[in-house]
Each structure stands twice: as structure tokens, then as C-alpha cells.
Amino acid sequence: MTRTGLATPEQTPEVDDPAWRLAVMAAANLLELLNQAPDRIRRCQHPACVLWRLRVKVQPRPATVRTGGRYPRARGGVIMDLVTEFLRSYVVPAGTSLAGDPGLKASRRSTGGVLSVFETSIGAGPPLHVHDREDECFYILDGELSVHCGEEAFDAGAGSFVFLPRGRPHRFWAPARPARLLLIVAPGGIEDYFAEINSASTDDERHHIGERFGIRVVTG
């Protein structure tokens, strides 16, 4: 690379076709710019980016740190390999979380948007609400949860799995002591909603956040 971090024709892989070398150089320069941009555009599908990822091995900025074993421990950022465009495996050890967010085990960024997972406890639970964009699931680890979803009502004890589809108003609460569970939301990203809603100071602000994320309290 040059002092500016951009590639020159002499620094591209050895190939026979000069036009191909120029194309690779252009893709390398574009990737260098993408590496300086927000993580959400680092999976750019521009043909030059795809070409570069397929032909040249590029090490992305590290998103993991190894902790004595062969499995990486998750940190903030997208956990992916730009060479294959597949997400990288990771482990969140017991008692730890992603990016310092309590209980967060998988996020939109760590799973490429597939899902978010929290280990959390539920007591009184949230009011009746509806999700427009995601399905919500629980796996009960300890305790019991009472659930209303649409016209259905049921109790879920330890070892139970609960699925709450998007578009259907629901609420849930622990009838006795708080229940410990895995909250699984697909697609991922609800952690962004939690971060904003927990920082809101007024009902009006919470209303606007809910509208923006498609998670609305149902009244009446």
C-alpha cells in the first residue's frame, strides 16, 4: 500500500491480464475506503467489492479476541470474514455479554441481522404491545411465565419454549418470582430499541421511539 493506504498496480496480485490487475487495484482501493466507513456498509454488494472478496484474501479489522483457546470471544462490531462473506463463529462465555450490554448474547451486528438473543429476567413484564417487524421467542430457564398473545393465554414453566409472532398483541409476566429466560428476537436489532427506550425520559419520547422501531403499546 502507498502512504495513503491505497493500492497501486505494482502492489496487486500477480495475474496475466493487465485489465484484471487494474480491476483488482480499483476494488482494493474501494475496500480500503469501505474499511474506514460504518460497519453496516462493509458488506457492500458492488461488483468491485464482490470481485475483490472472491479473488484476494483480505483480513478485516478484528472483531474478536482470542482467549487462550481456539474459539474467539465476541466483542463489538461485525463478526465476519470478508473473504467468504460468511459470519465467523464466536462464543460468549458464561457471565459475559456482547459490547458491555448486560445479558446480550447475540446482536444484529454479530449475526448479520439474523437474530438477537438476551439472557434476562422478567417480573411484572411490559404492557400489552405489538411488534410490526420481528417475531419474539422465549426459552424459560427458571421460573414460570404467563403469556397472553391475541386470543390465546398459556403458562410456560422451566424448559418451555414460547413463540410470539409479529403483528399479534401480547404481554407476559411472572406470576410468582421473576422468571429467568432467553429472549430470542428475529430478525435482530431489538437491542437498539432497548438502548433508546431505556434512555428516554418522557412518554412522548418513548412513543416516538416505539413508532420508529415498529414496537407499539396497545391501549384500549
C-alpha atoms as a PDB file:
ATOM      1  CA  MET A   1       0.000   0.000   0.000  1.00  0.00           C
ATOM      2  CA  THR A   2       1.046   3.590  -0.511  1.00  0.00           C
ATOM      3  CA  ARG A   3       1.305   6.158   2.262  1.00  0.00           C
ATOM      4  CA  THR A   4      -2.383   6.982   1.735  1.00  0.00           C
ATOM      5  CA  GLY A   5      -3.356   3.325   2.181  1.00  0.00           C
ATOM      6  CA  LEU A   6      -4.472   2.878  -1.444  1.00  0.00           C
ATOM      7  CA  ALA A   7      -3.168   0.226  -3.813  1.00  0.00           C
ATOM      8  CA  THR A   8      -1.035   0.760  -6.897  1.00  0.00           C
ATOM      9  CA  PRO A   9      -0.748  -1.576  -9.932  1.00  0.00           C
ATOM     10  CA  GLU A  10       2.612  -2.897  -8.668  1.00  0.00           C
ATOM     11  CA  GLN A  11       1.008  -3.989  -5.389  1.00  0.00           C
ATOM     12  CA  THR A  12      -1.857  -6.048  -6.820  1.00  0.00           C
ATOM     13  CA  PRO A  13      -1.670  -9.868  -7.094  1.00  0.00           C
ATOM     14  CA  GLU A  14       0.294 -11.328  -9.986  1.00  0.00           C
ATOM     15  CA  VAL A  15      -2.030 -12.031 -12.921  1.00  0.00           C
ATOM     16  CA  ASP A  16      -1.503 -12.185 -16.672  1.00  0.00           C
ATOM     17  CA  ASP A  17      -4.240  -9.778 -17.741  1.00  0.00           C
ATOM     18  CA  PRO A  18      -3.371  -6.068 -17.198  1.00  0.00           C
ATOM     19  CA  ALA A  19      -7.061  -5.148 -17.252  1.00  0.00           C
ATOM     20  CA  TRP A  20      -7.691  -7.639 -14.486  1.00  0.00           C
ATOM     21  CA  ARG A  21      -4.881  -6.132 -12.396  1.00  0.00           C
ATOM     22  CA  LEU A  22      -6.404  -2.678 -12.792  1.00  0.00           C
ATOM     23  CA  ALA A  23      -9.816  -4.000 -11.777  1.00  0.00           C
ATOM     24  CA  VAL A  24      -8.344  -5.618  -8.667  1.00  0.00           C
ATOM     25  CA  MET A  25      -6.491  -2.408  -7.829  1.00  0.00           C
ATOM     26  CA  ALA A  26      -9.734  -0.424  -8.088  1.00  0.00           C
ATOM     27  CA  ALA A  27     -11.525  -2.933  -5.886  1.00  0.00           C
ATOM     28  CA  ALA A  28      -8.703  -2.813  -3.331  1.00  0.00           C
ATOM     29  CA  ASN A  29      -8.950   0.949  -3.141  1.00  0.00           C
ATOM     30  CA  LEU A  30     -12.716   0.785  -2.741  1.00  0.00           C
ATOM     31  CA  LEU A  31     -12.403  -1.808   0.013  1.00  0.00           C
ATOM     32  CA  GLU A  32      -9.873   0.374   1.824  1.00  0.00           C
ATOM     33  CA  LEU A  33     -12.413   3.193   1.791  1.00  0.00           C
ATOM     34  CA  LEU A  34     -15.145   0.830   2.997  1.00  0.00           C
ATOM     35  CA  ASN A  35     -12.933  -0.274   5.875  1.00  0.00           C
ATOM     36  CA  GLN A  36     -12.964   3.333   7.054  1.00  0.00           C
ATOM     37  CA  ALA A  37     -16.759   3.536   6.798  1.00  0.00           C
ATOM     38  CA  PRO A  38     -19.507   2.343   9.207  1.00  0.00           C
ATOM     39  CA  ASP A  39     -19.766  -1.418   9.634  1.00  0.00           C
ATOM     40  CA  ARG A  40     -23.195  -1.614   8.022  1.00  0.00           C
ATOM     41  CA  ILE A  41     -21.773  -0.922   4.539  1.00  0.00           C
ATOM     42  CA  ARG A  42     -18.754  -3.207   4.799  1.00  0.00           C
ATOM     43  CA  ARG A  43     -20.768  -5.973   3.113  1.00  0.00           C
ATOM     44  CA  CYS A  44     -21.244  -3.818   0.040  1.00  0.00           C
ATOM     45  CA  GLN A  45     -22.575  -5.779  -2.933  1.00  0.00           C
ATOM     46  CA  HIS A  46     -20.997  -3.512  -5.539  1.00  0.00           C
ATOM     47  CA  PRO A  47     -19.434  -5.799  -8.196  1.00  0.00           C
ATOM     48  CA  ALA A  48     -15.965  -4.441  -7.473  1.00  0.00           C
ATOM     49  CA  CYS A  49     -16.309  -5.317  -3.774  1.00  0.00           C
ATOM     50  CA  VAL A  50     -17.609  -8.798  -4.521  1.00  0.00           C
ATOM     51  CA  LEU A  51     -14.801  -9.320  -7.055  1.00  0.00           C
ATOM     52  CA  TRP A  52     -12.176  -8.308  -4.536  1.00  0.00           C
ATOM     53  CA  ARG A  53     -13.572 -10.527  -1.805  1.00  0.00           C
ATOM     54  CA  LEU A  54     -13.625 -13.520  -4.130  1.00  0.00           C
ATOM     55  CA  ARG A  55     -10.145 -13.108  -5.631  1.00  0.00           C
ATOM     56  CA  VAL A  56      -7.971 -11.584  -2.920  1.00  0.00           C
ATOM     57  CA  LYS A  57      -7.605 -12.609   0.689  1.00  0.00           C
ATOM     58  CA  VAL A  58      -8.224  -9.558   2.837  1.00  0.00           C
ATOM     59  CA  GLN A  59      -8.137  -9.569   6.610  1.00  0.00           C
ATOM     60  CA  PRO A  60     -10.980  -7.480   8.052  1.00  0.00           C
ATOM     61  CA  ARG A  61     -10.478  -5.294  11.076  1.00  0.00           C
ATOM     62  CA  PRO A  62     -10.519  -7.666  14.063  1.00  0.00           C
ATOM     63  CA  ALA A  63     -13.882  -8.016  15.772  1.00  0.00           C
ATOM     64  CA  THR A  64     -12.843 -10.784  18.152  1.00  0.00           C
ATOM     65  CA  VAL A  65     -10.124 -11.522  20.634  1.00  0.00           C
ATOM     66  CA  ARG A  66      -8.810 -14.982  21.356  1.00  0.00           C
ATOM     67  CA  THR A  67      -8.815 -16.014  25.000  1.00  0.00           C
ATOM     68  CA  GLY A  68      -6.491 -18.972  25.314  1.00  0.00           C
ATOM     69  CA  GLY A  69      -8.481 -21.401  23.165  1.00  0.00           C
ATOM     70  CA  ARG A  70      -9.238 -21.658  19.500  1.00  0.00           C
ATOM     71  CA  TYR A  71     -12.654 -20.021  19.834  1.00  0.00           C
ATOM     72  CA  PRO A  72     -12.893 -16.228  19.545  1.00  0.00           C
ATOM     73  CA  ARG A  73     -14.677 -14.217  22.175  1.00  0.00           C
ATOM     74  CA  ALA A  74     -17.154 -11.741  20.785  1.00  0.00           C
ATOM     75  CA  ARG A  75     -16.592  -8.012  21.056  1.00  0.00           C
ATOM     76  CA  GLY A  76     -18.370  -5.089  19.494  1.00  0.00           C
ATOM     77  CA  GLY A  77     -18.542  -4.900  15.717  1.00  0.00           C
ATOM     78  CA  VAL A  78     -19.481  -7.179  12.862  1.00  0.00           C
ATOM     79  CA  ILE A  79     -18.055 -10.661  13.270  1.00  0.00           C
ATOM     80  CA  MET A  80     -17.497 -11.734   9.688  1.00  0.00           C
ATOM     81  CA  ASP A  81     -14.862 -12.871   7.253  1.00  0.00           C
ATOM     82  CA  LEU A  82     -14.748 -10.672   4.157  1.00  0.00           C
ATOM     83  CA  VAL A  83     -13.036 -13.415   2.179  1.00  0.00           C
ATOM     84  CA  THR A  84     -16.034 -15.745   2.267  1.00  0.00           C
ATOM     85  CA  GLU A  85     -18.786 -13.290   3.280  1.00  0.00           C
ATOM     86  CA  PHE A  86     -19.789 -15.805   5.956  1.00  0.00           C
ATOM     87  CA  LEU A  87     -20.131 -14.725   9.560  1.00  0.00           C
ATOM     88  CA  ARG A  88     -17.448 -16.017  11.891  1.00  0.00           C
ATOM     89  CA  SER A  89     -18.241 -18.302  14.792  1.00  0.00           C
ATOM     90  CA  TYR A  90     -17.850 -16.895  18.284  1.00  0.00           C
ATOM     91  CA  VAL A  91     -18.584 -17.748  21.903  1.00  0.00           C
ATOM     92  CA  VAL A  92     -19.833 -15.526  24.701  1.00  0.00           C
ATOM     93  CA  PRO A  93     -18.559 -17.132  27.929  1.00  0.00           C
ATOM     94  CA  ALA A  94     -20.878 -17.557  30.911  1.00  0.00           C
ATOM     95  CA  GLY A  95     -21.346 -14.353  32.860  1.00  0.00           C
ATOM     96  CA  THR A  96     -20.265 -12.105  29.975  1.00  0.00           C
ATOM     97  CA  SER A  97     -22.083 -10.269  27.212  1.00  0.00           C
ATOM     98  CA  LEU A  98     -21.559  -8.556  23.880  1.00  0.00           C
ATOM     99  CA  ALA A  99     -20.220  -4.996  23.803  1.00  0.00           C
ATOM    100  CA  GLY A 100     -20.834  -4.495  27.514  1.00  0.00           C
ATOM    101  CA  ASP A 101     -24.620  -4.716  27.074  1.00  0.00           C
ATOM    102  CA  PRO A 102     -25.888  -6.742  30.074  1.00  0.00           C
ATOM    103  CA  GLY A 103     -27.293 -10.092  29.034  1.00  0.00           C
ATOM    104  CA  LEU A 104     -26.762  -9.599  25.289  1.00  0.00           C
ATOM    105  CA  LYS A 105     -25.516 -12.861  23.743  1.00  0.00           C
ATOM    106  CA  ALA A 106     -26.229 -12.220  20.036  1.00  0.00           C
ATOM    107  CA  SER A 107     -26.972  -8.992  18.225  1.00  0.00           C
ATOM    108  CA  ARG A 108     -27.892  -7.708  14.798  1.00  0.00           C
ATOM    109  CA  ARG A 109     -24.233  -6.898  14.234  1.00  0.00           C
ATOM    110  CA  SER A 110     -22.815 -10.201  15.483  1.00  0.00           C
ATOM    111  CA  THR A 111     -25.280 -12.342  13.488  1.00  0.00           C
ATOM    112  CA  GLY A 112     -25.544 -10.273  10.319  1.00  0.00           C
ATOM    113  CA  GLY A 113     -29.093  -9.254  11.208  1.00  0.00           C
ATOM    114  CA  VAL A 114     -30.427 -12.794  11.681  1.00  0.00           C
ATOM    115  CA  LEU A 115     -31.429 -12.557  15.347  1.00  0.00           C
ATOM    116  CA  SER A 116     -30.789 -11.040  18.768  1.00  0.00           C
ATOM    117  CA  VAL A 117     -30.559 -13.056  21.996  1.00  0.00           C
ATOM    118  CA  PHE A 118     -30.677 -11.813  25.595  1.00  0.00           C
ATOM    119  CA  GLU A 119     -30.413 -13.701  28.852  1.00  0.00           C
ATOM    120  CA  THR A 120     -32.735 -11.771  31.131  1.00  0.00           C
ATOM    121  CA  SER A 121     -35.271 -11.931  33.949  1.00  0.00           C
ATOM    122  CA  ILE A 122     -38.952 -10.997  33.708  1.00  0.00           C
ATOM    123  CA  GLY A 123     -41.055  -9.913  36.658  1.00  0.00           C
ATOM    124  CA  ALA A 124     -44.110  -7.733  36.027  1.00  0.00           C
ATOM    125  CA  GLY A 125     -43.261  -7.617  32.315  1.00  0.00           C
ATOM    126  CA  PRO A 126     -44.118  -4.950  29.734  1.00  0.00           C
ATOM    127  CA  PRO A 127     -47.644  -3.687  28.934  1.00  0.00           C
ATOM    128  CA  LEU A 128     -49.678  -5.120  26.062  1.00  0.00           C
ATOM    129  CA  HIS A 129     -47.718  -4.340  22.903  1.00  0.00           C
ATOM    130  CA  VAL A 130     -47.195  -5.428  19.309  1.00  0.00           C
ATOM    131  CA  HIS A 131     -44.140  -5.853  17.078  1.00  0.00           C
ATOM    132  CA  ASP A 132     -44.548  -4.917  13.424  1.00  0.00           C
ATOM    133  CA  ARG A 133     -41.151  -6.186  12.230  1.00  0.00           C
ATOM    134  CA  GLU A 134     -39.952  -9.096  14.362  1.00  0.00           C
ATOM    135  CA  ASP A 135     -41.053 -12.338  15.998  1.00  0.00           C
ATOM    136  CA  GLU A 136     -40.347 -12.792  19.697  1.00  0.00           C
ATOM    137  CA  CYS A 137     -39.454 -16.071  21.415  1.00  0.00           C
ATOM    138  CA  PHE A 138     -38.656 -17.195  24.948  1.00  0.00           C
ATOM    139  CA  TYR A 139     -36.874 -20.223  26.299  1.00  0.00           C
ATOM    140  CA  ILE A 140     -37.629 -20.404  30.022  1.00  0.00           C
ATOM    141  CA  LEU A 141     -34.539 -21.268  32.045  1.00  0.00           C
ATOM    142  CA  ASP A 142     -36.023 -20.950  35.542  1.00  0.00           C
ATOM    143  CA  GLY A 143     -39.389 -19.986  36.994  1.00  0.00           C
ATOM    144  CA  GLU A 144     -42.687 -19.593  35.167  1.00  0.00           C
ATOM    145  CA  LEU A 145     -44.106 -17.102  32.691  1.00  0.00           C
ATOM    146  CA  SER A 146     -47.751 -16.302  31.982  1.00  0.00           C
ATOM    147  CA  VAL A 147     -48.424 -15.210  28.407  1.00  0.00           C
ATOM    148  CA  HIS A 148     -51.336 -13.588  26.564  1.00  0.00           C
ATOM    149  CA  CYS A 149     -50.993 -13.438  22.770  1.00  0.00           C
ATOM    150  CA  GLY A 150     -54.016 -12.408  20.726  1.00  0.00           C
ATOM    151  CA  GLU A 151     -56.885 -14.611  21.937  1.00  0.00           C
ATOM    152  CA  GLU A 152     -54.574 -17.202  23.472  1.00  0.00           C
ATOM    153  CA  ALA A 153     -53.350 -17.489  27.055  1.00  0.00           C
ATOM    154  CA  PHE A 154     -50.936 -20.036  28.486  1.00  0.00           C
ATOM    155  CA  ASP A 155     -48.345 -20.633  31.190  1.00  0.00           C
ATOM    156  CA  ALA A 156     -44.765 -21.643  30.400  1.00  0.00           C
ATOM    157  CA  GLY A 157     -42.527 -23.270  33.000  1.00  0.00           C
ATOM    158  CA  ALA A 158     -38.821 -24.032  33.021  1.00  0.00           C
ATOM    159  CA  GLY A 159     -37.763 -25.803  29.834  1.00  0.00           C
ATOM    160  CA  SER A 160     -40.681 -24.380  27.825  1.00  0.00           C
ATOM    161  CA  PHE A 161     -40.358 -22.535  24.519  1.00  0.00           C
ATOM    162  CA  VAL A 162     -42.726 -19.687  23.600  1.00  0.00           C
ATOM    163  CA  PHE A 163     -43.221 -18.216  20.117  1.00  0.00           C
ATOM    164  CA  LEU A 164     -44.968 -14.844  19.683  1.00  0.00           C
ATOM    165  CA  PRO A 165     -45.461 -13.872  16.016  1.00  0.00           C
ATOM    166  CA  ARG A 166     -45.175 -10.318  14.788  1.00  0.00           C
ATOM    167  CA  GLY A 167     -48.376  -8.361  14.316  1.00  0.00           C
ATOM    168  CA  ARG A 168     -50.166 -10.003  17.254  1.00  0.00           C
ATOM    169  CA  PRO A 169     -50.579  -8.003  20.511  1.00  0.00           C
ATOM    170  CA  HIS A 170     -49.122  -9.802  23.505  1.00  0.00           C
ATOM    171  CA  ARG A 171     -47.905  -9.395  27.055  1.00  0.00           C
ATOM    172  CA  PHE A 172     -46.132 -11.633  29.540  1.00  0.00           C
ATOM    173  CA  TRP A 173     -45.296 -11.650  33.227  1.00  0.00           C
ATOM    174  CA  ALA A 174     -44.051 -13.910  36.014  1.00  0.00           C
ATOM    175  CA  PRO A 175     -46.955 -14.901  38.308  1.00  0.00           C
ATOM    176  CA  ALA A 176     -44.621 -15.537  41.242  1.00  0.00           C
ATOM    177  CA  ARG A 177     -40.900 -14.856  41.465  1.00  0.00           C
ATOM    178  CA  PRO A 178     -39.097 -13.404  38.398  1.00  0.00           C
ATOM    179  CA  ALA A 179     -38.539 -15.898  35.606  1.00  0.00           C
ATOM    180  CA  ARG A 180     -35.092 -16.248  34.019  1.00  0.00           C
ATOM    181  CA  LEU A 181     -35.156 -16.825  30.285  1.00  0.00           C
ATOM    182  CA  LEU A 182     -33.547 -16.419  26.898  1.00  0.00           C
ATOM    183  CA  LEU A 183     -35.254 -13.719  24.843  1.00  0.00           C
ATOM    184  CA  ILE A 184     -34.802 -14.509  21.143  1.00  0.00           C
ATOM    185  CA  VAL A 185     -35.906 -11.964  18.545  1.00  0.00           C
ATOM    186  CA  ALA A 186     -35.776 -12.406  14.772  1.00  0.00           C
ATOM    187  CA  PRO A 187     -34.693 -10.574  12.764  1.00  0.00           C
ATOM    188  CA  GLY A 188     -32.061  -8.992  15.003  1.00  0.00           C
ATOM    189  CA  GLY A 189     -31.788  -5.412  16.177  1.00  0.00           C
ATOM    190  CA  ILE A 190     -34.093  -5.088  19.162  1.00  0.00           C
ATOM    191  CA  GLU A 191     -31.072  -4.198  21.294  1.00  0.00           C
ATOM    192  CA  ASP A 192     -31.030  -0.820  19.521  1.00  0.00           C
ATOM    193  CA  TYR A 193     -34.649  -0.277  20.567  1.00  0.00           C
ATOM    194  CA  PHE A 194     -33.879  -1.241  24.182  1.00  0.00           C
ATOM    195  CA  ALA A 195     -30.927   1.152  24.301  1.00  0.00           C
ATOM    196  CA  GLU A 196     -33.057   4.078  23.165  1.00  0.00           C
ATOM    197  CA  ILE A 197     -36.228   3.284  25.101  1.00  0.00           C
ATOM    198  CA  ASN A 198     -34.294   2.825  28.361  1.00  0.00           C
ATOM    199  CA  SER A 199     -32.709   6.252  27.893  1.00  0.00           C
ATOM    200  CA  ALA A 200     -35.991   8.038  27.143  1.00  0.00           C
ATOM    201  CA  SER A 201     -37.210  10.428  29.818  1.00  0.00           C
ATOM    202  CA  THR A 202     -40.781  11.231  28.687  1.00  0.00           C
ATOM    203  CA  ASP A 203     -43.801   9.286  27.464  1.00  0.00           C
ATOM    204  CA  ASP A 204     -43.786  11.330  24.262  1.00  0.00           C
ATOM    205  CA  GLU A 205     -40.175  10.371  23.576  1.00  0.00           C
ATOM    206  CA  ARG A 206     -40.921   6.703  24.261  1.00  0.00           C
ATOM    207  CA  HIS A 207     -43.899   6.873  21.897  1.00  0.00           C
ATOM    208  CA  HIS A 208     -41.796   8.239  19.040  1.00  0.00           C
ATOM    209  CA  ILE A 209     -39.070   5.627  19.625  1.00  0.00           C
ATOM    210  CA  GLY A 210     -41.675   2.865  19.543  1.00  0.00           C
ATOM    211  CA  GLU A 211     -43.172   4.186  16.305  1.00  0.00           C
ATOM    212  CA  ARG A 212     -39.757   4.361  14.686  1.00  0.00           C
ATOM    213  CA  PHE A 213     -38.902   0.758  15.638  1.00  0.00           C
ATOM    214  CA  GLY A 214     -42.382  -0.629  14.964  1.00  0.00           C
ATOM    215  CA  ILE A 215     -42.933  -1.658  18.598  1.00  0.00           C
ATOM    216  CA  ARG A 216     -46.107  -0.074  19.924  1.00  0.00           C
ATOM    217  CA  VAL A 217     -48.028  -0.201  23.204  1.00  0.00           C
ATOM    218  CA  VAL A 218     -51.628  -1.285  22.613  1.00  0.00           C
ATOM    219  CA  THR A 219     -54.244   0.713  24.518  1.00  0.00           C
ATOM    220  CA  GLY A 220     -57.990   0.398  24.792  1.00  0.00           C
END
